[in-house]
């Protein structure tokens, strides 16, 4: 089994990382709350490469996000609350 820890740093890294997670969530059928909303068993294959499965069938991205300025992190948190990004 392979597990990947995704590390995002700085404004650019976090903005690129946000788009990355948007694509990965679409590929695996994960909605913004971390629940599986797909329609194919293939979407769940190897899902544990990028996600940890939490209680209640919720998938949490395996990621570390960091930035010295709060603006980018605040923007990502707001996008997650609006359902545009997964909730980290």
PDB file of N, CA and C in Angstrom:
ATOM      1  N   UNK A   1       0.842  -1.167   0.000  1.00  0.00           N
ATOM      2  CA  UNK A   1       0.000   0.000   0.000  1.00  0.00           C
ATOM      3  C   UNK A   1       0.892   1.236   0.000  1.00  0.00           C
ATOM      4  N   UNK A   2       0.467   2.241  -0.724  1.00  0.00           N
ATOM      5  CA  UNK A   2       1.218   3.485  -0.818  1.00  0.00           C
ATOM      6  C   UNK A   2       0.374   4.614  -0.239  1.00  0.00           C
ATOM      7  N   UNK A   3       0.986   5.436   0.585  1.00  0.00           N
ATOM      8  CA  UNK A   3       0.305   6.596   1.152  1.00  0.00           C
ATOM      9  C   UNK A   3       1.141   7.834   0.864  1.00  0.00           C
ATOM     10  N   UNK A   4       0.489   8.897   0.457  1.00  0.00           N
ATOM     11  CA  UNK A   4       1.172  10.138   0.124  1.00  0.00           C
ATOM     12  C   UNK A   4       0.709  11.233   1.073  1.00  0.00           C
ATOM     13  N   UNK A   5       1.672  11.956   1.635  1.00  0.00           N
ATOM     14  CA  UNK A   5       1.389  13.136   2.442  1.00  0.00           C
ATOM     15  C   UNK A   5       1.642  14.343   1.550  1.00  0.00           C
ATOM     16  N   UNK A   6       0.628  15.139   1.345  1.00  0.00           N
ATOM     17  CA  UNK A   6       0.706  16.302   0.466  1.00  0.00           C
ATOM     18  C   UNK A   6       1.064  17.520   1.317  1.00  0.00           C
ATOM     19  N   UNK A   7       2.168  18.202   0.980  1.00  0.00           N
ATOM     20  CA  UNK A   7       2.615  19.372   1.738  1.00  0.00           C
ATOM     21  C   UNK A   7       2.470  20.610   0.860  1.00  0.00           C
ATOM     22  N   UNK A   8       1.749  21.603   1.373  1.00  0.00           N
ATOM     23  CA  UNK A   8       1.533  22.853   0.657  1.00  0.00           C
ATOM     24  C   UNK A   8       2.116  23.986   1.486  1.00  0.00           C
ATOM     25  N   UNK A   9       2.925  24.838   0.855  1.00  0.00           N
ATOM     26  CA  UNK A   9       3.539  25.943   1.574  1.00  0.00           C
ATOM     27  C   UNK A   9       3.452  27.244   0.810  1.00  0.00           C
ATOM     28  N   UNK A  10       3.140  28.314   1.507  1.00  0.00           N
ATOM     29  CA  UNK A  10       3.090  29.640   0.908  1.00  0.00           C
ATOM     30  C   UNK A  10       1.827  29.864   0.098  1.00  0.00           C
ATOM     31  N   UNK A  11       1.685  31.084  -0.375  1.00  0.00           N
ATOM     32  CA  UNK A  11       0.483  31.444  -1.122  1.00  0.00           C
ATOM     33  C   UNK A  11       0.349  30.637  -2.403  1.00  0.00           C
ATOM     34  N   UNK A  12       1.393  30.594  -3.202  1.00  0.00           N
ATOM     35  CA  UNK A  12       1.342  29.872  -4.472  1.00  0.00           C
ATOM     36  C   UNK A  12       1.125  28.378  -4.247  1.00  0.00           C
ATOM     37  N   UNK A  13       1.868  27.792  -3.325  1.00  0.00           N
ATOM     38  CA  UNK A  13       1.732  26.363  -3.047  1.00  0.00           C
ATOM     39  C   UNK A  13       0.340  25.996  -2.571  1.00  0.00           C
ATOM     40  N   UNK A  14      -0.252  26.848  -1.754  1.00  0.00           N
ATOM     41  CA  UNK A  14      -1.598  26.581  -1.252  1.00  0.00           C
ATOM     42  C   UNK A  14      -2.660  26.776  -2.329  1.00  0.00           C
ATOM     43  N   UNK A  15      -2.466  27.737  -3.214  1.00  0.00           N
ATOM     44  CA  UNK A  15      -3.429  27.937  -4.296  1.00  0.00           C
ATOM     45  C   UNK A  15      -3.363  26.786  -5.302  1.00  0.00           C
ATOM     46  N   UNK A  16      -2.161  26.353  -5.640  1.00  0.00           N
ATOM     47  CA  UNK A  16      -2.011  25.197  -6.530  1.00  0.00           C
ATOM     48  C   UNK A  16      -2.547  23.945  -5.843  1.00  0.00           C
ATOM     49  N   UNK A  17      -2.235  23.796  -4.560  1.00  0.00           N
ATOM     50  CA  UNK A  17      -2.722  22.650  -3.797  1.00  0.00           C
ATOM     51  C   UNK A  17      -4.237  22.602  -3.716  1.00  0.00           C
ATOM     52  N   UNK A  18      -4.878  23.757  -3.604  1.00  0.00           N
ATOM     53  CA  UNK A  18      -6.344  23.801  -3.562  1.00  0.00           C
ATOM     54  C   UNK A  18      -6.933  23.258  -4.857  1.00  0.00           C
ATOM     55  N   UNK A  19      -6.343  23.631  -5.973  1.00  0.00           N
ATOM     56  CA  UNK A  19      -6.814  23.115  -7.270  1.00  0.00           C
ATOM     57  C   UNK A  19      -6.548  21.615  -7.368  1.00  0.00           C
ATOM     58  N   UNK A  20      -5.397  21.174  -6.879  1.00  0.00           N
ATOM     59  CA  UNK A  20      -5.061  19.746  -6.863  1.00  0.00           C
ATOM     60  C   UNK A  20      -6.134  18.960  -6.114  1.00  0.00           C
ATOM     61  N   UNK A  21      -6.504  19.425  -4.910  1.00  0.00           N
ATOM     62  CA  UNK A  21      -7.500  18.706  -4.110  1.00  0.00           C
ATOM     63  C   UNK A  21      -8.874  18.737  -4.755  1.00  0.00           C
ATOM     64  N   UNK A  22      -9.172  19.818  -5.452  1.00  0.00           N
ATOM     65  CA  UNK A  22     -10.443  19.897  -6.175  1.00  0.00           C
ATOM     66  C   UNK A  22     -10.522  18.788  -7.229  1.00  0.00           C
ATOM     67  N   UNK A  23      -9.431  18.603  -7.965  1.00  0.00           N
ATOM     68  CA  UNK A  23      -9.378  17.565  -9.002  1.00  0.00           C
ATOM     69  C   UNK A  23      -9.422  16.169  -8.381  1.00  0.00           C
ATOM     70  N   UNK A  24      -8.641  15.944  -7.323  1.00  0.00           N
ATOM     71  CA  UNK A  24      -8.608  14.632  -6.666  1.00  0.00           C
ATOM     72  C   UNK A  24      -9.978  14.285  -6.085  1.00  0.00           C
ATOM     73  N   UNK A  25     -10.645  15.259  -5.489  1.00  0.00           N
ATOM     74  CA  UNK A  25     -11.994  15.012  -4.953  1.00  0.00           C
ATOM     75  C   UNK A  25     -12.958  14.613  -6.066  1.00  0.00           C
ATOM     76  N   UNK A  26     -12.884  15.296  -7.199  1.00  0.00           N
ATOM     77  CA  UNK A  26     -13.734  14.938  -8.337  1.00  0.00           C
ATOM     78  C   UNK A  26     -13.446  13.523  -8.824  1.00  0.00           C
ATOM     79  N   UNK A  27     -12.170  13.188  -8.954  1.00  0.00           N
ATOM     80  CA  UNK A  27     -11.790  11.857  -9.440  1.00  0.00           C
ATOM     81  C   UNK A  27     -12.298  10.747  -8.534  1.00  0.00           C
ATOM     82  N   UNK A  28     -12.287  10.989  -7.229  1.00  0.00           N
ATOM     83  CA  UNK A  28     -12.664   9.947  -6.273  1.00  0.00           C
ATOM     84  C   UNK A  28     -14.106  10.073  -5.785  1.00  0.00           C
ATOM     85  N   UNK A  29     -14.842  11.060  -6.277  1.00  0.00           N
ATOM     86  CA  UNK A  29     -16.244  11.205  -5.895  1.00  0.00           C
ATOM     87  C   UNK A  29     -16.451  11.660  -4.467  1.00  0.00           C
ATOM     88  N   UNK A  30     -15.539  12.475  -3.955  1.00  0.00           N
ATOM     89  CA  UNK A  30     -15.636  12.975  -2.586  1.00  0.00           C
ATOM     90  C   UNK A  30     -16.229  14.384  -2.621  1.00  0.00           C
ATOM     91  N   UNK A  31     -17.286  14.614  -1.833  1.00  0.00           N
ATOM     92  CA  UNK A  31     -17.868  15.957  -1.795  1.00  0.00           C
ATOM     93  C   UNK A  31     -17.112  16.832  -0.791  1.00  0.00           C
ATOM     94  N   UNK A  32     -17.521  18.085  -0.658  1.00  0.00           N
ATOM     95  CA  UNK A  32     -16.785  19.035   0.193  1.00  0.00           C
ATOM     96  C   UNK A  32     -16.852  18.702   1.677  1.00  0.00           C
ATOM     97  N   UNK A  33     -17.748  17.813   2.080  1.00  0.00           N
ATOM     98  CA  UNK A  33     -17.812  17.411   3.489  1.00  0.00           C
ATOM     99  C   UNK A  33     -16.941  16.197   3.778  1.00  0.00           C
ATOM    100  N   UNK A  34     -16.355  15.618   2.728  1.00  0.00           N
ATOM    101  CA  UNK A  34     -15.513  14.442   2.902  1.00  0.00           C
ATOM    102  C   UNK A  34     -16.251  13.133   2.726  1.00  0.00           C
ATOM    103  N   UNK A  35     -17.512  13.196   2.367  1.00  0.00           N
ATOM    104  CA  UNK A  35     -18.321  11.987   2.160  1.00  0.00           C
ATOM    105  C   UNK A  35     -18.209  11.536   0.707  1.00  0.00           C
ATOM    106  N   UNK A  36     -18.271  10.218   0.525  1.00  0.00           N
ATOM    107  CA  UNK A  36     -18.269   9.666  -0.826  1.00  0.00           C
ATOM    108  C   UNK A  36     -19.619   9.933  -1.474  1.00  0.00           C
ATOM    109  N   UNK A  37     -19.607  10.565  -2.633  1.00  0.00           N
ATOM    110  CA  UNK A  37     -20.837  10.878  -3.359  1.00  0.00           C
ATOM    111  C   UNK A  37     -20.753  10.389  -4.798  1.00  0.00           C
ATOM    112  N   UNK A  38     -19.804   9.489  -5.069  1.00  0.00           N
ATOM    113  CA  UNK A  38     -19.608   8.997  -6.421  1.00  0.00           C
ATOM    114  C   UNK A  38     -20.587   7.905  -6.786  1.00  0.00           C
ATOM    115  N   UNK A  39     -20.387   7.374  -7.989  1.00  0.00           N
ATOM    116  CA  UNK A  39     -21.296   6.352  -8.487  1.00  0.00           C
ATOM    117  C   UNK A  39     -20.574   5.127  -9.035  1.00  0.00           C
ATOM    118  N   UNK A  40     -19.287   5.015  -8.768  1.00  0.00           N
ATOM    119  CA  UNK A  40     -18.516   3.895  -9.296  1.00  0.00           C
ATOM    120  C   UNK A  40     -17.570   3.356  -8.223  1.00  0.00           C
ATOM    121  N   UNK A  41     -17.516   2.039  -8.114  1.00  0.00           N
ATOM    122  CA  UNK A  41     -16.590   1.420  -7.165  1.00  0.00           C
ATOM    123  C   UNK A  41     -15.137   1.727  -7.506  1.00  0.00           C
ATOM    124  N   UNK A  42     -14.864   2.020  -8.778  1.00  0.00           N
ATOM    125  CA  UNK A  42     -13.499   2.360  -9.184  1.00  0.00           C
ATOM    126  C   UNK A  42     -13.002   3.629  -8.495  1.00  0.00           C
ATOM    127  N   UNK A  43     -13.918   4.522  -8.162  1.00  0.00           N
ATOM    128  CA  UNK A  43     -13.523   5.767  -7.500  1.00  0.00           C
ATOM    129  C   UNK A  43     -12.966   5.512  -6.101  1.00  0.00           C
ATOM    130  N   UNK A  44     -13.377   4.424  -5.478  1.00  0.00           N
ATOM    131  CA  UNK A  44     -12.905   4.111  -4.125  1.00  0.00           C
ATOM    132  C   UNK A  44     -11.621   3.285  -4.121  1.00  0.00           C
ATOM    133  N   UNK A  45     -11.225   2.787  -5.297  1.00  0.00           N
ATOM    134  CA  UNK A  45      -9.975   2.031  -5.365  1.00  0.00           C
ATOM    135  C   UNK A  45      -8.805   2.953  -5.077  1.00  0.00           C
ATOM    136  N   UNK A  46      -7.948   2.524  -4.207  1.00  0.00           N
ATOM    137  CA  UNK A  46      -6.739   3.269  -3.835  1.00  0.00           C
ATOM    138  C   UNK A  46      -7.025   4.672  -3.291  1.00  0.00           C
ATOM    139  N   UNK A  47      -8.203   4.865  -2.741  1.00  0.00           N
ATOM    140  CA  UNK A  47      -8.538   6.167  -2.161  1.00  0.00           C
ATOM    141  C   UNK A  47      -7.654   6.467  -0.954  1.00  0.00           C
ATOM    142  N   UNK A  48      -7.139   5.398  -0.327  1.00  0.00           N
ATOM    143  CA  UNK A  48      -6.298   5.580   0.860  1.00  0.00           C
ATOM    144  C   UNK A  48      -4.913   6.124   0.530  1.00  0.00           C
ATOM    145  N   UNK A  49      -4.609   6.315  -0.746  1.00  0.00           N
ATOM    146  CA  UNK A  49      -3.337   6.939  -1.117  1.00  0.00           C
ATOM    147  C   UNK A  49      -3.339   8.411  -0.688  1.00  0.00           C
ATOM    148  N   UNK A  50      -4.450   9.099  -0.873  1.00  0.00           N
ATOM    149  CA  UNK A  50      -4.544  10.528  -0.575  1.00  0.00           C
ATOM    150  C   UNK A  50      -5.376  10.867   0.654  1.00  0.00           C
ATOM    151  N   UNK A  51      -6.180   9.913   1.129  1.00  0.00           N
ATOM    152  CA  UNK A  51      -7.119  10.202   2.215  1.00  0.00           C
ATOM    153  C   UNK A  51      -6.975   9.227   3.369  1.00  0.00           C
ATOM    154  N   UNK A  52      -7.266   9.706   4.574  1.00  0.00           N
ATOM    155  CA  UNK A  52      -7.482   8.852   5.744  1.00  0.00           C
ATOM    156  C   UNK A  52      -8.986   8.739   5.910  1.00  0.00           C
ATOM    157  N   UNK A  53      -9.460   7.535   6.205  1.00  0.00           N
ATOM    158  CA  UNK A  53     -10.891   7.374   6.439  1.00  0.00           C
ATOM    159  C   UNK A  53     -11.176   7.585   7.921  1.00  0.00           C
ATOM    160  N   UNK A  54     -11.993   8.571   8.208  1.00  0.00           N
ATOM    161  CA  UNK A  54     -12.368   8.892   9.590  1.00  0.00           C
ATOM    162  C   UNK A  54     -13.686   8.205   9.926  1.00  0.00           C
ATOM    163  N   UNK A  55     -14.143   8.399  11.136  1.00  0.00           N
ATOM    164  CA  UNK A  55     -15.408   7.794  11.551  1.00  0.00           C
ATOM    165  C   UNK A  55     -16.560   8.353  10.715  1.00  0.00           C
ATOM    166  N   UNK A  56     -17.564   7.547  10.553  1.00  0.00           N
ATOM    167  CA  UNK A  56     -18.734   7.975   9.797  1.00  0.00           C
ATOM    168  C   UNK A  56     -18.535   7.957   8.298  1.00  0.00           C
ATOM    169  N   UNK A  57     -17.493   7.274   7.819  1.00  0.00           N
ATOM    170  CA  UNK A  57     -17.261   7.187   6.383  1.00  0.00           C
ATOM    171  C   UNK A  57     -16.783   8.481   5.752  1.00  0.00           C
ATOM    172  N   UNK A  58     -16.210   9.349   6.545  1.00  0.00           N
ATOM    173  CA  UNK A  58     -15.701  10.633   6.047  1.00  0.00           C
ATOM    174  C   UNK A  58     -14.239  10.468   5.660  1.00  0.00           C
ATOM    175  N   UNK A  59     -13.873  11.001   4.502  1.00  0.00           N
ATOM    176  CA  UNK A  59     -12.495  10.925   4.023  1.00  0.00           C
ATOM    177  C   UNK A  59     -11.819  12.274   4.236  1.00  0.00           C
ATOM    178  N   UNK A  60     -10.664  12.242   4.906  1.00  0.00           N
ATOM    179  CA  UNK A  60      -9.924  13.458   5.243  1.00  0.00           C
ATOM    180  C   UNK A  60      -8.632  13.471   4.429  1.00  0.00           C
ATOM    181  N   UNK A  61      -8.389  14.553   3.670  1.00  0.00           N
ATOM    182  CA  UNK A  61      -7.155  14.626   2.890  1.00  0.00           C
ATOM    183  C   UNK A  61      -5.926  14.524   3.795  1.00  0.00           C
ATOM    184  N   UNK A  62      -4.950  13.755   3.356  1.00  0.00           N
ATOM    185  CA  UNK A  62      -3.694  13.627   4.098  1.00  0.00           C
ATOM    186  C   UNK A  62      -2.790  14.762   3.608  1.00  0.00           C
ATOM    187  N   UNK A  63      -2.857  15.903   4.309  1.00  0.00           N
ATOM    188  CA  UNK A  63      -2.160  17.095   3.841  1.00  0.00           C
ATOM    189  C   UNK A  63      -1.710  17.973   5.004  1.00  0.00           C
ATOM    190  N   UNK A  64      -0.635  18.699   4.754  1.00  0.00           N
ATOM    191  CA  UNK A  64      -0.139  19.715   5.685  1.00  0.00           C
ATOM    192  C   UNK A  64      -0.113  21.028   4.914  1.00  0.00           C
ATOM    193  N   UNK A  65      -0.830  22.015   5.414  1.00  0.00           N
ATOM    194  CA  UNK A  65      -0.884  23.330   4.786  1.00  0.00           C
ATOM    195  C   UNK A  65      -0.212  24.330   5.712  1.00  0.00           C
ATOM    196  N   UNK A  66       0.630  25.196   5.144  1.00  0.00           N
ATOM    197  CA  UNK A  66       1.309  26.192   5.975  1.00  0.00           C
ATOM    198  C   UNK A  66       1.530  27.476   5.191  1.00  0.00           C
ATOM    199  N   UNK A  67       1.506  28.572   5.912  1.00  0.00           N
ATOM    200  CA  UNK A  67       1.768  29.881   5.338  1.00  0.00           C
ATOM    201  C   UNK A  67       2.078  30.835   6.482  1.00  0.00           C
ATOM    202  N   UNK A  68       2.964  31.790   6.243  1.00  0.00           N
ATOM    203  CA  UNK A  68       3.323  32.759   7.275  1.00  0.00           C
ATOM    204  C   UNK A  68       2.291  33.869   7.412  1.00  0.00           C
ATOM    205  N   UNK A  69       1.506  34.072   6.359  1.00  0.00           N
ATOM    206  CA  UNK A  69       0.482  35.107   6.398  1.00  0.00           C
ATOM    207  C   UNK A  69      -0.889  34.444   6.444  1.00  0.00           C
ATOM    208  N   UNK A  70      -1.780  34.951   7.282  1.00  0.00           N
ATOM    209  CA  UNK A  70      -3.076  34.291   7.461  1.00  0.00           C
ATOM    210  C   UNK A  70      -4.045  34.442   6.286  1.00  0.00           C
ATOM    211  N   UNK A  71      -3.810  35.376   5.390  1.00  0.00           N
ATOM    212  CA  UNK A  71      -4.757  35.648   4.303  1.00  0.00           C
ATOM    213  C   UNK A  71      -5.069  34.441   3.435  1.00  0.00           C
ATOM    214  N   UNK A  72      -4.042  33.725   3.013  1.00  0.00           N
ATOM    215  CA  UNK A  72      -4.246  32.559   2.152  1.00  0.00           C
ATOM    216  C   UNK A  72      -4.990  31.460   2.889  1.00  0.00           C
ATOM    217  N   UNK A  73      -4.602  31.201   4.122  1.00  0.00           N
ATOM    218  CA  UNK A  73      -5.259  30.148   4.897  1.00  0.00           C
ATOM    219  C   UNK A  73      -6.715  30.520   5.190  1.00  0.00           C
ATOM    220  N   UNK A  74      -6.968  31.798   5.460  1.00  0.00           N
ATOM    221  CA  UNK A  74      -8.345  32.252   5.681  1.00  0.00           C
ATOM    222  C   UNK A  74      -9.184  32.059   4.421  1.00  0.00           C
ATOM    223  N   UNK A  75      -8.584  32.354   3.271  1.00  0.00           N
ATOM    224  CA  UNK A  75      -9.279  32.188   1.996  1.00  0.00           C
ATOM    225  C   UNK A  75      -9.619  30.717   1.735  1.00  0.00           C
ATOM    226  N   UNK A  76      -8.672  29.824   2.040  1.00  0.00           N
ATOM    227  CA  UNK A  76      -8.926  28.388   1.862  1.00  0.00           C
ATOM    228  C   UNK A  76     -10.019  27.906   2.804  1.00  0.00           C
ATOM    229  N   UNK A  77      -9.994  28.375   4.035  1.00  0.00           N
ATOM    230  CA  UNK A  77     -11.025  27.980   5.008  1.00  0.00           C
ATOM    231  C   UNK A  77     -12.399  28.476   4.560  1.00  0.00           C
ATOM    232  N   UNK A  78     -12.459  29.694   4.046  1.00  0.00           N
ATOM    233  CA  UNK A  78     -13.727  30.246   3.571  1.00  0.00           C
ATOM    234  C   UNK A  78     -14.242  29.451   2.373  1.00  0.00           C
ATOM    235  N   UNK A  79     -13.345  29.082   1.455  1.00  0.00           N
ATOM    236  CA  UNK A  79     -13.741  28.277   0.299  1.00  0.00           C
ATOM    237  C   UNK A  79     -14.271  26.915   0.729  1.00  0.00           C
ATOM    238  N   UNK A  80     -13.668  26.328   1.748  1.00  0.00           N
ATOM    239  CA  UNK A  80     -14.129  25.029   2.255  1.00  0.00           C
ATOM    240  C   UNK A  80     -15.519  25.162   2.867  1.00  0.00           C
ATOM    241  N   UNK A  81     -15.758  26.247   3.583  1.00  0.00           N
ATOM    242  CA  UNK A  81     -17.074  26.466   4.199  1.00  0.00           C
ATOM    243  C   UNK A  81     -18.155  26.685   3.149  1.00  0.00           C
ATOM    244  N   UNK A  82     -17.776  27.261   2.013  1.00  0.00           N
ATOM    245  CA  UNK A  82     -18.733  27.512   0.939  1.00  0.00           C
ATOM    246  C   UNK A  82     -18.925  26.284   0.051  1.00  0.00           C
ATOM    247  N   UNK A  83     -18.211  25.205   0.352  1.00  0.00           N
ATOM    248  CA  UNK A  83     -18.366  23.982  -0.420  1.00  0.00           C
ATOM    249  C   UNK A  83     -17.548  23.931  -1.692  1.00  0.00           C
ATOM    250  N   UNK A  84     -16.584  24.834  -1.846  1.00  0.00           N
ATOM    251  CA  UNK A  84     -15.755  24.857  -3.047  1.00  0.00           C
ATOM    252  C   UNK A  84     -14.540  23.951  -2.925  1.00  0.00           C
ATOM    253  N   UNK A  85     -14.122  23.665  -1.701  1.00  0.00           N
ATOM    254  CA  UNK A  85     -12.954  22.820  -1.442  1.00  0.00           C
ATOM    255  C   UNK A  85     -13.302  21.821  -0.355  1.00  0.00           C
ATOM    256  N   UNK A  86     -12.522  20.731  -0.279  1.00  0.00           N
ATOM    257  CA  UNK A  86     -12.765  19.798   0.824  1.00  0.00           C
ATOM    258  C   UNK A  86     -12.433  20.455   2.153  1.00  0.00           C
ATOM    259  N   UNK A  87     -13.089  20.033   3.174  1.00  0.00           N
ATOM    260  CA  UNK A  87     -12.846  20.556   4.513  1.00  0.00           C
ATOM    261  C   UNK A  87     -11.652  19.832   5.110  1.00  0.00           C
ATOM    262  N   UNK A  88     -10.560  20.532   5.315  1.00  0.00           N
ATOM    263  CA  UNK A  88      -9.328  19.918   5.811  1.00  0.00           C
ATOM    264  C   UNK A  88      -9.366  19.781   7.301  1.00  0.00           C
TER     265      UNK A  88
END
